[in-house]
Protein backbone atom coordinates (compact mmCIF):
# COMPACT_ATOMS: atom_id res chain seq x y z
CA MET A 1 0.00 0.00 0.00
CA ASN A 2 1.23 3.51 -0.86
CA THR A 3 -0.36 6.91 -1.42
CA ASP A 4 -0.14 6.63 -5.21
CA LEU A 5 -2.65 3.80 -4.91
CA LEU A 6 -4.70 5.59 -2.25
CA ASN A 7 -5.03 8.80 -4.24
CA LYS A 8 -5.95 6.81 -7.36
CA ILE A 9 -8.73 4.97 -5.51
CA PHE A 10 -10.05 8.20 -4.00
CA ALA A 11 -10.04 9.98 -7.37
CA ILE A 12 -11.94 7.14 -9.06
CA CYS A 13 -14.49 7.06 -6.24
CA ILE A 14 -15.09 10.82 -6.24
CA GLU A 15 -15.45 10.93 -10.03
CA GLU A 16 -17.90 8.02 -9.95
CA TYR A 17 -20.10 9.69 -7.34
CA HIS A 18 -20.23 12.94 -9.31
CA ARG A 19 -21.42 11.13 -12.40
CA HIS A 20 -24.63 10.48 -10.48
CA GLU A 21 -24.81 13.25 -7.82
CA ASP A 22 -27.21 11.21 -5.69
CA VAL A 23 -26.76 11.12 -1.90
CA ASN A 24 -29.11 8.12 -1.74
CA MET A 25 -27.09 6.02 -4.16
CA LYS A 26 -25.45 2.97 -2.62
CA CYS A 27 -21.72 2.47 -2.94
CA PRO A 28 -21.07 0.41 -6.09
CA GLU A 29 -18.26 -1.48 -4.33
CA ASN A 30 -18.97 -4.24 -1.81
CA ASN A 31 -17.35 -4.05 1.63
CA ASP A 32 -15.09 -7.09 1.26
CA PRO A 33 -13.05 -7.46 4.48
CA ASP A 34 -10.33 -9.25 2.50
CA ASN A 35 -9.99 -6.56 -0.16
CA ILE A 36 -8.39 -3.41 1.19
CA GLU A 37 -8.94 -1.49 -2.05
CA LYS A 38 -12.71 -2.02 -1.84
CA ILE A 39 -12.70 -0.97 1.81
CA LEU A 40 -10.81 2.22 0.92
CA TYR A 41 -13.22 2.90 -1.94
CA LYS A 42 -16.28 2.46 0.26
CA LYS A 43 -14.76 4.67 2.94
CA CYS A 44 -14.21 7.45 0.37
CA TRP A 45 -17.76 6.95 -0.95
CA ILE A 46 -19.13 7.56 2.54
CA ASP A 47 -17.00 10.72 2.81
CA THR A 48 -18.25 11.98 -0.54
CA VAL A 49 -21.93 11.39 0.23
CA GLN A 50 -21.52 13.03 3.62
CA TRP A 51 -19.84 16.04 2.02
CA HIS A 52 -23.00 16.66 0.01
CA LEU A 53 -25.32 15.97 2.93
CA GLU A 54 -23.42 18.65 4.85
CA ASP A 55 -24.06 21.05 1.95
CA ILE A 56 -27.77 20.24 1.85
CA ILE A 57 -28.37 20.65 5.57
CA ARG A 58 -26.96 24.19 5.45
CA ASP A 59 -29.77 25.38 3.18
CA VAL A 60 -31.43 28.16 5.22
CA ASN A 61 -34.78 27.30 3.61
CA ILE A 62 -34.68 23.60 4.41
CA GLU A 63 -37.73 22.15 6.15
CA PRO A 64 -36.99 21.26 9.80
CA THR A 65 -38.17 17.68 9.31
CA GLU A 66 -35.90 17.23 6.32
CA ALA A 67 -32.99 18.77 8.22
CA LEU A 68 -33.53 16.33 11.08
CA ASN A 69 -33.63 13.39 8.66
CA ILE A 70 -30.36 14.49 7.10
CA LYS A 71 -28.78 14.99 10.52
CA ARG A 72 -29.71 11.40 11.34
CA LYS A 73 -28.12 10.26 8.07
CA ILE A 74 -24.95 12.17 8.90
CA ASP A 75 -24.81 10.55 12.35
CA VAL A 76 -25.10 7.09 10.79
CA SER A 77 -22.53 8.03 8.14
CA ASN A 78 -20.06 9.18 10.79
CA GLN A 79 -20.35 5.86 12.58
CA HIS A 80 -19.84 3.88 9.37
CA ARG A 81 -16.85 6.05 8.52
CA THR A 82 -15.29 5.41 11.92
CA ASP A 83 -15.94 1.68 11.62
CA LEU A 84 -14.22 1.53 8.24
CA VAL A 85 -11.23 3.58 9.40
CA GLU A 86 -10.77 1.15 12.28
CA GLN A 87 -11.12 -1.74 9.82
CA ILE A 88 -8.32 -0.24 7.70
CA ASP A 89 -6.18 0.15 10.81
CA GLU A 90 -6.77 -3.50 11.71
CA TYR A 91 -5.63 -4.49 8.21
CA ILE A 92 -2.46 -2.40 8.55
CA TYR A 93 -1.82 -3.67 12.08
CA HIS A 94 -1.96 -7.31 10.97
CA LYS A 95 0.14 -6.55 7.90
CA PHE A 96 3.00 -5.39 10.14
CA ALA A 97 2.32 -7.68 13.10
CA THR A 98 5.38 -9.85 12.40
CA THR A 99 7.77 -6.93 11.87
CA ASP A 100 10.80 -6.87 14.16
CA VAL A 101 10.30 -3.63 16.07
CA LYS A 102 13.46 -1.74 17.03
CA ASN A 103 14.14 -0.93 20.68
CA ASP A 104 13.93 2.81 20.02
CA ALA A 105 10.82 2.54 17.80
CA ARG A 106 8.40 5.41 18.26
CA ILE A 107 4.63 5.50 18.65
CA ASN A 108 2.91 7.79 16.16
CA THR A 109 0.43 10.45 17.28
CA GLU A 110 -2.26 9.03 14.99
CA THR A 111 -2.81 5.71 13.28
CA PRO A 112 -2.14 5.27 9.55
CA ALA A 113 -5.85 4.89 8.79
CA TRP A 114 -6.77 8.22 10.37
CA ALA A 115 -4.05 9.88 8.31
CA ILE A 116 -5.50 8.11 5.26
CA ASP A 117 -8.92 9.45 6.29
CA ARG A 118 -7.49 12.98 6.15
CA LEU A 119 -6.07 12.24 2.70
CA ALA A 120 -9.48 11.16 1.41
CA ILE A 121 -11.05 14.39 2.69
CA LEU A 122 -8.22 16.38 1.14
CA ASN A 123 -8.96 14.78 -2.22
CA LEU A 124 -12.58 15.87 -1.83
CA LYS A 125 -11.56 19.43 -1.01
CA ILE A 126 -9.33 19.54 -4.08
CA TYR A 127 -12.08 18.22 -6.35
CA HIS A 128 -14.59 20.82 -5.22
CA MET A 129 -12.12 23.70 -5.07
CA LYS A 130 -11.05 22.87 -8.62
CA GLN A 131 -14.69 23.15 -9.64
CA GLU A 132 -14.79 26.64 -8.16
CA THR A 133 -11.84 27.71 -10.30
CA THR A 134 -13.73 26.89 -13.51
CA ARG A 135 -17.00 28.64 -12.74
CA THR A 136 -18.25 31.17 -15.29
CA ASN A 137 -20.89 32.87 -13.11
CA CYS A 138 -18.62 34.49 -10.53
CA SER A 139 -16.11 37.32 -10.22
CA ASP A 140 -12.46 37.23 -11.20
CA SER A 141 -11.65 37.87 -7.55
CA HIS A 142 -13.50 34.69 -6.53
CA LEU A 143 -11.69 32.66 -9.18
CA GLN A 144 -8.31 33.97 -8.02
CA LYS A 145 -9.03 33.25 -4.36
CA CYS A 146 -10.12 29.71 -5.19
CA THR A 147 -7.06 29.18 -7.39
CA ASP A 148 -4.81 30.28 -4.52
CA LYS A 149 -6.64 27.94 -2.15
CA LEU A 150 -6.41 25.10 -4.66
CA ASN A 151 -2.64 25.51 -4.90
CA ILE A 152 -2.37 25.30 -1.11
CA LEU A 153 -4.54 22.18 -1.02
CA LEU A 154 -2.43 20.54 -3.73
CA GLN A 155 0.72 21.21 -1.73
CA GLN A 156 -0.95 19.83 1.38
CA LYS A 157 -1.79 16.68 -0.59
CA ILE A 158 1.86 16.28 -1.58
CA ASP A 159 3.00 16.78 2.00
CA LEU A 160 0.41 14.49 3.57
CA SER A 161 1.03 11.79 0.96
CA LYS A 162 4.75 11.91 1.69
CA ALA A 163 4.14 11.75 5.45
CA ILE A 164 1.86 8.70 5.11
CA ASP A 165 4.36 6.91 2.89
CA MET A 166 7.10 7.67 5.42
CA LEU A 167 4.92 6.29 8.24
CA LEU A 168 4.15 3.09 6.33
CA ASN A 169 7.84 2.69 5.53
CA ASP A 170 8.76 3.20 9.19
CA LEU A 171 6.23 0.52 10.16
CA LEU A 172 7.78 -1.81 7.61
CA ASN A 173 11.30 -1.17 8.92
CA GLY A 174 10.33 -1.44 12.58
CA ASP A 175 11.06 2.24 13.27
CA CYS A 176 7.45 2.77 14.38
CA ILE A 177 5.17 0.53 16.42
CA ALA A 178 1.97 -0.58 14.69
CA LYS A 179 -0.98 0.01 16.99
CA THR A 180 -4.72 0.45 16.69
CA TYR A 181 -6.69 3.02 18.66
CA LYS A 182 -10.45 2.65 18.99
CA GLN A 183 -12.53 5.82 18.91
CA MET A 184 -15.00 4.49 21.49
CA LYS A 185 -17.79 6.71 20.16
CA MET A 186 -20.51 7.02 22.78
CA TYR A 187 -23.29 9.11 21.25
CA ASN A 188 -24.68 6.31 19.04
CA ASP A 189 -24.60 3.65 21.75
CA PRO A 190 -27.92 3.35 23.64
CA GLU A 191 -26.06 2.01 26.67
CA LEU A 192 -23.56 4.90 26.79
CA ASN A 193 -25.62 7.90 25.67
CA PRO A 194 -27.77 8.90 28.69
CA ILE A 195 -30.49 10.36 26.46
CA LEU A 196 -30.83 7.18 24.40
CA ARG A 197 -30.64 5.06 27.54
CA LYS A 198 -33.38 7.11 29.15
CA ASN A 199 -35.61 6.71 26.09
CA ILE A 200 -35.10 2.96 26.06
CA HIS A 201 -35.94 2.65 29.75
CA ASN A 202 -39.02 4.82 29.32
CA ASN A 203 -40.24 2.66 26.45
CA CYS A 204 -39.70 -0.48 28.51
CA GLU A 205 -41.77 0.94 31.34
CA ASN A 206 -44.68 1.87 29.07
């Protein structure tokens, strides 16, 4: 695995979504736990759909009921995204599980999969910022600002890609310890979210 492959998968996924522009469309790739490329694709698909849901919910004229429905979709999407990131981390962890770790090996501040998550979002930002630079119904000032921002994003993509490749290489060489860190999200769990727990108990009593 390297960022050339990651960025290629993300680009294909983002282009495929925008051929349809449908937030209700299911991911065309199956979530095969043995195929890391399909897992990465599905993860980027979730990111892309959620990007557009976030746009829709910011419509000041949106009906409250519709806004609530979209908020629920975003909550579910966030959980699926977290689950897939942790699945990617598990894959990477097992890939390097037999590596001889050096005595002075470091622990990274974030796992590879969460860095890969940032790279997927960065690809989305670049796609949409690039769209802004080709608009014909806006001012020259807007186009210039978006072009400047696009150049920054492209540099960030180069830097982040390099950093991820360096991290993966360090894991391979035993210079970094492969670990997984669970997010332990609480707000979707009816046993951990006091509001959900209260609702469940109230329903049981009725």
